[in-house]
PDB file of N, CA and C in Angstrom:
ATOM      1  N   SER A   1      -3.757  -8.728  10.581  1.00  0.00           N
ATOM      2  CA  SER A   1      -4.494  -7.534  10.939  1.00  0.00           C
ATOM      3  C   SER A   1      -4.524  -7.394  12.447  1.00  0.00           C
ATOM      4  N   GLN A   2      -4.486  -6.159  12.878  1.00  0.00           N
ATOM      5  CA  GLN A   2      -4.538  -5.875  14.296  1.00  0.00           C
ATOM      6  C   GLN A   2      -5.363  -4.612  14.501  1.00  0.00           C
ATOM      7  N   SER A   3      -6.354  -4.692  15.354  1.00  0.00           N
ATOM      8  CA  SER A   3      -7.204  -3.541  15.618  1.00  0.00           C
ATOM      9  C   SER A   3      -6.712  -2.834  16.874  1.00  0.00           C
ATOM     10  N   SER A   4      -6.700  -1.519  16.831  1.00  0.00           N
ATOM     11  CA  SER A   4      -6.306  -0.728  17.986  1.00  0.00           C
ATOM     12  C   SER A   4      -7.247   0.458  18.108  1.00  0.00           C
ATOM     13  N   ASP A   5      -7.019   1.278  19.113  1.00  0.00           N
ATOM     14  CA  ASP A   5      -7.850   2.469  19.291  1.00  0.00           C
ATOM     15  C   ASP A   5      -7.730   3.411  18.101  1.00  0.00           C
ATOM     16  N   ASN A   6      -6.612   3.338  17.397  1.00  0.00           N
ATOM     17  CA  ASN A   6      -6.369   4.211  16.252  1.00  0.00           C
ATOM     18  C   ASN A   6      -6.873   3.622  14.941  1.00  0.00           C
ATOM     19  N   GLY A   7      -7.498   2.457  14.967  1.00  0.00           N
ATOM     20  CA  GLY A   7      -8.009   1.840  13.754  1.00  0.00           C
ATOM     21  C   GLY A   7      -7.300   0.539  13.432  1.00  0.00           C
ATOM     22  N   LEU A   8      -7.606  -0.007  12.290  1.00  0.00           N
ATOM     23  CA  LEU A   8      -7.080  -1.299  11.868  1.00  0.00           C
ATOM     24  C   LEU A   8      -5.688  -1.153  11.247  1.00  0.00           C
ATOM     25  N   ASN A   9      -4.727  -1.925  11.753  1.00  0.00           N
ATOM     26  CA  ASN A   9      -3.378  -1.994  11.189  1.00  0.00           C
ATOM     27  C   ASN A   9      -3.244  -3.324  10.461  1.00  0.00           C
ATOM     28  N   VAL A  10      -2.838  -3.289   9.194  1.00  0.00           N
ATOM     29  CA  VAL A  10      -2.684  -4.498   8.396  1.00  0.00           C
ATOM     30  C   VAL A  10      -1.207  -4.662   8.051  1.00  0.00           C
ATOM     31  N   ASN A  11      -0.623  -5.754   8.520  1.00  0.00           N
ATOM     32  CA  ASN A  11       0.792  -6.018   8.313  1.00  0.00           C
ATOM     33  C   ASN A  11       0.947  -7.175   7.320  1.00  0.00           C
ATOM     34  N   CYS A  12       1.364  -6.844   6.110  1.00  0.00           N
ATOM     35  CA  CYS A  12       1.592  -7.851   5.068  1.00  0.00           C
ATOM     36  C   CYS A  12       3.034  -7.748   4.576  1.00  0.00           C
ATOM     37  N   GLN A  13       3.947  -7.638   5.509  1.00  0.00           N
ATOM     38  CA  GLN A  13       5.358  -7.519   5.168  1.00  0.00           C
ATOM     39  C   GLN A  13       5.919  -8.887   4.788  1.00  0.00           C
ATOM     40  N   GLU A  14       6.764  -8.891   3.762  1.00  0.00           N
ATOM     41  CA  GLU A  14       7.497 -10.088   3.338  1.00  0.00           C
ATOM     42  C   GLU A  14       6.596 -11.305   3.138  1.00  0.00           C
ATOM     43  N   ARG A  15       5.529 -11.100   2.368  1.00  0.00           N
ATOM     44  CA  ARG A  15       4.585 -12.187   2.071  1.00  0.00           C
ATOM     45  C   ARG A  15       4.632 -12.624   0.610  1.00  0.00           C
ATOM     46  N   LYS A  16       5.602 -12.109  -0.131  1.00  0.00           N
ATOM     47  CA  LYS A  16       5.806 -12.469  -1.538  1.00  0.00           C
ATOM     48  C   LYS A  16       4.670 -12.016  -2.454  1.00  0.00           C
ATOM     49  N   PHE A  17       3.969 -10.954  -2.079  1.00  0.00           N
ATOM     50  CA  PHE A  17       2.940 -10.395  -2.946  1.00  0.00           C
ATOM     51  C   PHE A  17       3.587  -9.785  -4.182  1.00  0.00           C
ATOM     52  N   THR A  18       2.969  -9.998  -5.346  1.00  0.00           N
ATOM     53  CA  THR A  18       3.445  -9.366  -6.576  1.00  0.00           C
ATOM     54  C   THR A  18       2.514  -8.240  -7.013  1.00  0.00           C
ATOM     55  N   ASN A  19       1.287  -8.225  -6.481  1.00  0.00           N
ATOM     56  CA  ASN A  19       0.311  -7.175  -6.776  1.00  0.00           C
ATOM     57  C   ASN A  19      -0.456  -6.840  -5.508  1.00  0.00           C
ATOM     58  N   ILE A  20      -0.778  -5.579  -5.337  1.00  0.00           N
ATOM     59  CA  ILE A  20      -1.566  -5.176  -4.178  1.00  0.00           C
ATOM     60  C   ILE A  20      -2.922  -5.859  -4.197  1.00  0.00           C
ATOM     61  N   SER A  21      -3.440  -6.111  -5.391  1.00  0.00           N
ATOM     62  CA  SER A  21      -4.745  -6.778  -5.517  1.00  0.00           C
ATOM     63  C   SER A  21      -4.717  -8.226  -5.008  1.00  0.00           C
ATOM     64  N   ASP A  22      -3.521  -8.802  -4.754  1.00  0.00           N
ATOM     65  CA  ASP A  22      -3.408 -10.151  -4.203  1.00  0.00           C
ATOM     66  C   ASP A  22      -3.854 -10.224  -2.750  1.00  0.00           C
ATOM     67  N   LEU A  23      -3.977  -9.097  -2.103  1.00  0.00           N
ATOM     68  CA  LEU A  23      -4.353  -9.039  -0.696  1.00  0.00           C
ATOM     69  C   LEU A  23      -5.798  -9.491  -0.533  1.00  0.00           C
ATOM     70  N   GLN A  24      -5.990 -10.697   0.010  1.00  0.00           N
ATOM     71  CA  GLN A  24      -7.324 -11.283   0.180  1.00  0.00           C
ATOM     72  C   GLN A  24      -7.434 -11.903   1.563  1.00  0.00           C
ATOM     73  N   PRO A  25      -8.541 -11.727   2.257  1.00  0.00           N
ATOM     74  CA  PRO A  25      -9.632 -10.828   1.924  1.00  0.00           C
ATOM     75  C   PRO A  25      -9.205  -9.378   2.127  1.00  0.00           C
ATOM     76  N   LYS A  26      -9.823  -8.485   1.409  1.00  0.00           N
ATOM     77  CA  LYS A  26      -9.486  -7.071   1.525  1.00  0.00           C
ATOM     78  C   LYS A  26      -9.922  -6.565   2.892  1.00  0.00           C
ATOM     79  N   PRO A  27      -9.011  -5.927   3.625  1.00  0.00           N
ATOM     80  CA  PRO A  27      -9.391  -5.404   4.942  1.00  0.00           C
ATOM     81  C   PRO A  27     -10.387  -4.253   4.796  1.00  0.00           C
ATOM     82  N   THR A  28     -11.278  -4.142   5.764  1.00  0.00           N
ATOM     83  CA  THR A  28     -12.287  -3.094   5.759  1.00  0.00           C
ATOM     84  C   THR A  28     -11.790  -1.876   6.529  1.00  0.00           C
ATOM     85  N   SER A  29     -11.683  -0.763   5.865  1.00  0.00           N
ATOM     86  CA  SER A  29     -11.305   0.532   6.455  1.00  0.00           C
ATOM     87  C   SER A  29     -10.009   0.504   7.273  1.00  0.00           C
ATOM     88  N   PRO A  30      -8.921  -0.003   6.709  1.00  0.00           N
ATOM     89  CA  PRO A  30      -7.663   0.002   7.468  1.00  0.00           C
ATOM     90  C   PRO A  30      -7.102   1.419   7.591  1.00  0.00           C
ATOM     91  N   LYS A  31      -6.405   1.667   8.692  1.00  0.00           N
ATOM     92  CA  LYS A  31      -5.733   2.955   8.902  1.00  0.00           C
ATOM     93  C   LYS A  31      -4.275   2.878   8.459  1.00  0.00           C
ATOM     94  N   LYS A  32      -3.643   1.723   8.668  1.00  0.00           N
ATOM     95  CA  LYS A  32      -2.243   1.538   8.319  1.00  0.00           C
ATOM     96  C   LYS A  32      -2.098   0.239   7.529  1.00  0.00           C
ATOM     97  N   LEU A  33      -1.367   0.325   6.419  1.00  0.00           N
ATOM     98  CA  LEU A  33      -1.137  -0.845   5.567  1.00  0.00           C
ATOM     99  C   LEU A  33       0.349  -0.951   5.277  1.00  0.00           C
ATOM    100  N   TYR A  34       0.954  -2.038   5.761  1.00  0.00           N
ATOM    101  CA  TYR A  34       2.385  -2.284   5.586  1.00  0.00           C
ATOM    102  C   TYR A  34       2.576  -3.392   4.559  1.00  0.00           C
ATOM    103  N   LEU A  35       3.143  -3.038   3.410  1.00  0.00           N
ATOM    104  CA  LEU A  35       3.424  -4.002   2.342  1.00  0.00           C
ATOM    105  C   LEU A  35       4.921  -4.039   2.035  1.00  0.00           C
ATOM    106  N   THR A  36       5.728  -3.807   3.029  1.00  0.00           N
ATOM    107  CA  THR A  36       7.183  -3.766   2.864  1.00  0.00           C
ATOM    108  C   THR A  36       7.754  -5.136   2.527  1.00  0.00           C
ATOM    109  N   GLY A  37       8.816  -5.136   1.724  1.00  0.00           N
ATOM    110  CA  GLY A  37       9.567  -6.356   1.468  1.00  0.00           C
ATOM    111  C   GLY A  37       8.841  -7.393   0.641  1.00  0.00           C
ATOM    112  N   ASN A  38       7.971  -6.972  -0.239  1.00  0.00           N
ATOM    113  CA  ASN A  38       7.296  -7.897  -1.148  1.00  0.00           C
ATOM    114  C   ASN A  38       7.917  -7.773  -2.537  1.00  0.00           C
ATOM    115  N   TYR A  39       7.223  -8.236  -3.556  1.00  0.00           N
ATOM    116  CA  TYR A  39       7.750  -8.218  -4.918  1.00  0.00           C
ATOM    117  C   TYR A  39       6.916  -7.323  -5.836  1.00  0.00           C
ATOM    118  N   LEU A  40       6.346  -6.273  -5.275  1.00  0.00           N
ATOM    119  CA  LEU A  40       5.518  -5.364  -6.065  1.00  0.00           C
ATOM    120  C   LEU A  40       6.373  -4.630  -7.086  1.00  0.00           C
ATOM    121  N   GLN A  41       5.916  -4.577  -8.339  1.00  0.00           N
ATOM    122  CA  GLN A  41       6.639  -3.875  -9.398  1.00  0.00           C
ATOM    123  C   GLN A  41       5.873  -2.667  -9.912  1.00  0.00           C
ATOM    124  N   THR A  42       4.550  -2.740  -9.845  1.00  0.00           N
ATOM    125  CA  THR A  42       3.699  -1.668 -10.339  1.00  0.00           C
ATOM    126  C   THR A  42       2.589  -1.410  -9.334  1.00  0.00           C
ATOM    127  N   VAL A  43       2.300  -0.136  -9.094  1.00  0.00           N
ATOM    128  CA  VAL A  43       1.113   0.235  -8.329  1.00  0.00           C
ATOM    129  C   VAL A  43       0.102   0.705  -9.367  1.00  0.00           C
ATOM    130  N   TYR A  44      -0.946  -0.089  -9.535  1.00  0.00           N
ATOM    131  CA  TYR A  44      -1.949   0.193 -10.552  1.00  0.00           C
ATOM    132  C   TYR A  44      -2.980   1.195 -10.038  1.00  0.00           C
ATOM    133  N   LYS A  45      -3.579   1.907 -10.962  1.00  0.00           N
ATOM    134  CA  LYS A  45      -4.558   2.944 -10.642  1.00  0.00           C
ATOM    135  C   LYS A  45      -5.697   2.414  -9.763  1.00  0.00           C
ATOM    136  N   ASN A  46      -6.110   1.171  -9.979  1.00  0.00           N
ATOM    137  CA  ASN A  46      -7.251   0.605  -9.245  1.00  0.00           C
ATOM    138  C   ASN A  46      -6.871  -0.163  -7.977  1.00  0.00           C
ATOM    139  N   ASP A  47      -5.592  -0.319  -7.702  1.00  0.00           N
ATOM    140  CA  ASP A  47      -5.148  -1.123  -6.554  1.00  0.00           C
ATOM    141  C   ASP A  47      -5.650  -0.619  -5.208  1.00  0.00           C
ATOM    142  N   LEU A  48      -5.733   0.677  -5.047  1.00  0.00           N
ATOM    143  CA  LEU A  48      -6.006   1.245  -3.726  1.00  0.00           C
ATOM    144  C   LEU A  48      -7.367   1.927  -3.629  1.00  0.00           C
ATOM    145  N   LEU A  49      -8.250   1.647  -4.560  1.00  0.00           N
ATOM    146  CA  LEU A  49      -9.567   2.292  -4.572  1.00  0.00           C
ATOM    147  C   LEU A  49     -10.353   2.071  -3.279  1.00  0.00           C
ATOM    148  N   GLU A  50     -10.207   0.907  -2.684  1.00  0.00           N
ATOM    149  CA  GLU A  50     -10.986   0.563  -1.493  1.00  0.00           C
ATOM    150  C   GLU A  50     -10.268   0.921  -0.186  1.00  0.00           C
ATOM    151  N   TYR A  51      -9.213   1.705  -0.280  1.00  0.00           N
ATOM    152  CA  TYR A  51      -8.406   1.997   0.907  1.00  0.00           C
ATOM    153  C   TYR A  51      -8.392   3.486   1.255  1.00  0.00           C
ATOM    154  N   SER A  52      -9.502   4.164   1.044  1.00  0.00           N
ATOM    155  CA  SER A  52      -9.557   5.612   1.280  1.00  0.00           C
ATOM    156  C   SER A  52      -9.348   5.992   2.740  1.00  0.00           C
ATOM    157  N   SER A  53      -9.482   5.048   3.651  1.00  0.00           N
ATOM    158  CA  SER A  53      -9.323   5.326   5.079  1.00  0.00           C
ATOM    159  C   SER A  53      -7.853   5.330   5.531  1.00  0.00           C
ATOM    160  N   LEU A  54      -6.924   4.983   4.645  1.00  0.00           N
ATOM    161  CA  LEU A  54      -5.519   4.866   5.044  1.00  0.00           C
ATOM    162  C   LEU A  54      -4.915   6.189   5.510  1.00  0.00           C
ATOM    163  N   ASP A  55      -4.225   6.099   6.620  1.00  0.00           N
ATOM    164  CA  ASP A  55      -3.435   7.197   7.166  1.00  0.00           C
ATOM    165  C   ASP A  55      -1.961   6.973   6.817  1.00  0.00           C
ATOM    166  N   LEU A  56      -1.547   5.698   6.766  1.00  0.00           N
ATOM    167  CA  LEU A  56      -0.165   5.325   6.478  1.00  0.00           C
ATOM    168  C   LEU A  56      -0.151   4.192   5.458  1.00  0.00           C
ATOM    169  N   LEU A  57       0.696   4.339   4.442  1.00  0.00           N
ATOM    170  CA  LEU A  57       0.906   3.294   3.435  1.00  0.00           C
ATOM    171  C   LEU A  57       2.400   3.103   3.274  1.00  0.00           C
ATOM    172  N   HIS A  58       2.874   1.908   3.616  1.00  0.00           N
ATOM    173  CA  HIS A  58       4.312   1.625   3.546  1.00  0.00           C
ATOM    174  C   HIS A  58       4.558   0.620   2.425  1.00  0.00           C
ATOM    175  N   LEU A  59       5.170   1.113   1.342  1.00  0.00           N
ATOM    176  CA  LEU A  59       5.485   0.285   0.173  1.00  0.00           C
ATOM    177  C   LEU A  59       6.994   0.130  -0.002  1.00  0.00           C
ATOM    178  N   GLY A  60       7.756   0.366   1.038  1.00  0.00           N
ATOM    179  CA  GLY A  60       9.214   0.321   0.957  1.00  0.00           C
ATOM    180  C   GLY A  60       9.755  -1.066   0.664  1.00  0.00           C
ATOM    181  N   ASN A  61      10.950  -1.088   0.085  1.00  0.00           N
ATOM    182  CA  ASN A  61      11.702  -2.319  -0.177  1.00  0.00           C
ATOM    183  C   ASN A  61      10.925  -3.344  -0.996  1.00  0.00           C
ATOM    184  N   ASN A  62      10.336  -2.862  -2.073  1.00  0.00           N
ATOM    185  CA  ASN A  62       9.715  -3.722  -3.067  1.00  0.00           C
ATOM    186  C   ASN A  62      10.546  -3.588  -4.337  1.00  0.00           C
ATOM    187  N   ARG A  63       9.919  -3.759  -5.471  1.00  0.00           N
ATOM    188  CA  ARG A  63      10.598  -3.597  -6.766  1.00  0.00           C
ATOM    189  C   ARG A  63       9.830  -2.619  -7.637  1.00  0.00           C
ATOM    190  N   ILE A  64       9.158  -1.681  -6.994  1.00  0.00           N
ATOM    191  CA  ILE A  64       8.263  -0.769  -7.706  1.00  0.00           C
ATOM    192  C   ILE A  64       9.056   0.145  -8.636  1.00  0.00           C
ATOM    193  N   ALA A  65       8.725   0.068  -9.917  1.00  0.00           N
ATOM    194  CA  ALA A  65       9.330   0.935 -10.920  1.00  0.00           C
ATOM    195  C   ALA A  65       8.289   1.865 -11.533  1.00  0.00           C
ATOM    196  N   VAL A  66       7.001   1.487 -11.422  1.00  0.00           N
ATOM    197  CA  VAL A  66       5.928   2.257 -12.050  1.00  0.00           C
ATOM    198  C   VAL A  66       4.796   2.470 -11.040  1.00  0.00           C
ATOM    199  N   ILE A  67       4.358   3.710 -10.945  1.00  0.00           N
ATOM    200  CA  ILE A  67       3.138   4.043 -10.213  1.00  0.00           C
ATOM    201  C   ILE A  67       2.226   4.727 -11.228  1.00  0.00           C
ATOM    202  N   GLN A  68       1.124   4.066 -11.540  1.00  0.00           N
ATOM    203  CA  GLN A  68       0.229   4.626 -12.542  1.00  0.00           C
ATOM    204  C   GLN A  68      -0.366   5.945 -12.045  1.00  0.00           C
ATOM    205  N   GLU A  69      -0.560   6.850 -12.982  1.00  0.00           N
ATOM    206  CA  GLU A  69      -1.148   8.138 -12.649  1.00  0.00           C
ATOM    207  C   GLU A  69      -2.515   7.935 -12.000  1.00  0.00           C
ATOM    208  N   GLY A  70      -2.744   8.611 -10.892  1.00  0.00           N
ATOM    209  CA  GLY A  70      -4.009   8.517 -10.182  1.00  0.00           C
ATOM    210  C   GLY A  70      -4.079   7.390  -9.166  1.00  0.00           C
ATOM    211  N   ALA A  71      -2.997   6.659  -8.974  1.00  0.00           N
ATOM    212  CA  ALA A  71      -3.009   5.515  -8.051  1.00  0.00           C
ATOM    213  C   ALA A  71      -3.317   5.919  -6.612  1.00  0.00           C
ATOM    214  N   PHE A  72      -2.967   7.142  -6.229  1.00  0.00           N
ATOM    215  CA  PHE A  72      -3.169   7.582  -4.849  1.00  0.00           C
ATOM    216  C   PHE A  72      -4.297   8.620  -4.734  1.00  0.00           C
ATOM    217  N   THR A  73      -5.039   8.852  -5.795  1.00  0.00           N
ATOM    218  CA  THR A  73      -6.045   9.915  -5.849  1.00  0.00           C
ATOM    219  C   THR A  73      -7.079   9.832  -4.731  1.00  0.00           C
ATOM    220  N   ASN A  74      -7.583   8.642  -4.435  1.00  0.00           N
ATOM    221  CA  ASN A  74      -8.650   8.514  -3.443  1.00  0.00           C
ATOM    222  C   ASN A  74      -8.140   8.419  -2.008  1.00  0.00           C
ATOM    223  N   LEU A  75      -6.837   8.470  -1.803  1.00  0.00           N
ATOM    224  CA  LEU A  75      -6.279   8.341  -0.452  1.00  0.00           C
ATOM    225  C   LEU A  75      -6.269   9.702   0.243  1.00  0.00           C
ATOM    226  N   THR A  76      -7.455  10.219   0.488  1.00  0.00           N
ATOM    227  CA  THR A  76      -7.601  11.579   1.013  1.00  0.00           C
ATOM    228  C   THR A  76      -7.211  11.710   2.476  1.00  0.00           C
ATOM    229  N   SER A  77      -7.117  10.612   3.214  1.00  0.00           N
ATOM    230  CA  SER A  77      -6.707  10.652   4.621  1.00  0.00           C
ATOM    231  C   SER A  77      -5.225  10.333   4.801  1.00  0.00           C
ATOM    232  N   LEU A  78      -4.538  10.011   3.703  1.00  0.00           N
ATOM    233  CA  LEU A  78      -3.141   9.590   3.779  1.00  0.00           C
ATOM    234  C   LEU A  78      -2.243  10.713   4.281  1.00  0.00           C
ATOM    235  N   ARG A  79      -1.459  10.415   5.309  1.00  0.00           N
ATOM    236  CA  ARG A  79      -0.528  11.383   5.882  1.00  0.00           C
ATOM    237  C   ARG A  79       0.921  10.935   5.733  1.00  0.00           C
ATOM    238  N   ARG A  80       1.132   9.620   5.618  1.00  0.00           N
ATOM    239  CA  ARG A  80       2.489   9.090   5.500  1.00  0.00           C
ATOM    240  C   ARG A  80       2.536   8.031   4.400  1.00  0.00           C
ATOM    241  N   LEU A  81       3.459   8.241   3.457  1.00  0.00           N
ATOM    242  CA  LEU A  81       3.659   7.328   2.332  1.00  0.00           C
ATOM    243  C   LEU A  81       5.145   7.027   2.246  1.00  0.00           C
ATOM    244  N   TYR A  82       5.495   5.758   2.329  1.00  0.00           N
ATOM    245  CA  TYR A  82       6.899   5.344   2.258  1.00  0.00           C
ATOM    246  C   TYR A  82       7.129   4.555   0.975  1.00  0.00           C
ATOM    247  N   LEU A  83       8.099   5.014   0.181  1.00  0.00           N
ATOM    248  CA  LEU A  83       8.445   4.374  -1.088  1.00  0.00           C
ATOM    249  C   LEU A  83       9.940   4.066  -1.168  1.00  0.00           C
ATOM    250  N   ASN A  84      10.634   4.110  -0.062  1.00  0.00           N
ATOM    251  CA  ASN A  84      12.073   3.878  -0.041  1.00  0.00           C
ATOM    252  C   ASN A  84      12.421   2.459  -0.508  1.00  0.00           C
ATOM    253  N   GLY A  85      13.605   2.314  -1.083  1.00  0.00           N
ATOM    254  CA  GLY A  85      14.084   0.998  -1.479  1.00  0.00           C
ATOM    255  C   GLY A  85      13.382   0.397  -2.679  1.00  0.00           C
ATOM    256  N   ASN A  86      12.908   1.231  -3.585  1.00  0.00           N
ATOM    257  CA  ASN A  86      12.263   0.771  -4.812  1.00  0.00           C
ATOM    258  C   ASN A  86      13.080   1.215  -6.025  1.00  0.00           C
ATOM    259  N   TYR A  87      12.547   1.005  -7.213  1.00  0.00           N
ATOM    260  CA  TYR A  87      13.258   1.319  -8.443  1.00  0.00           C
ATOM    261  C   TYR A  87      12.654   2.525  -9.173  1.00  0.00           C
ATOM    262  N   LEU A  88      12.020   3.411  -8.434  1.00  0.00           N
ATOM    263  CA  LEU A  88      11.376   4.570  -9.047  1.00  0.00           C
ATOM    264  C   LEU A  88      12.389   5.548  -9.606  1.00  0.00           C
ATOM    265  N   GLU A  89      12.146   5.989 -10.824  1.00  0.00           N
ATOM    266  CA  GLU A  89      12.973   7.030 -11.422  1.00  0.00           C
ATOM    267  C   GLU A  89      12.185   8.312 -11.606  1.00  0.00           C
ATOM    268  N   VAL A  90      10.866   8.162 -11.783  1.00  0.00           N
ATOM    269  CA  VAL A  90       9.985   9.308 -11.989  1.00  0.00           C
ATOM    270  C   VAL A  90       8.753   9.116 -11.121  1.00  0.00           C
ATOM    271  N   LEU A  91       8.339  10.178 -10.467  1.00  0.00           N
ATOM    272  CA  LEU A  91       7.123  10.097  -9.652  1.00  0.00           C
ATOM    273  C   LEU A  91       6.229  11.264 -10.007  1.00  0.00           C
TER     274      LEU A  91
END
């Protein structure tokens, strides 16, 4: 984690996470969350409930094939979402 004038940036790239819920301790009010290059396969509806402050979410280069309906519903501040390099067929 790194705090800046623009808010908290959380860098969890290439940490072998298989679920977003594995992120412990959960950062408080992050602005940017980088989860690139992990082993995520599914983004569950409840994974991002506590991350409503996110401006940027980078999920690129994982193994995501499924994003449950409503997974991004509470991300009302989100401006940038990266899903490149995954196995998505339907969004």
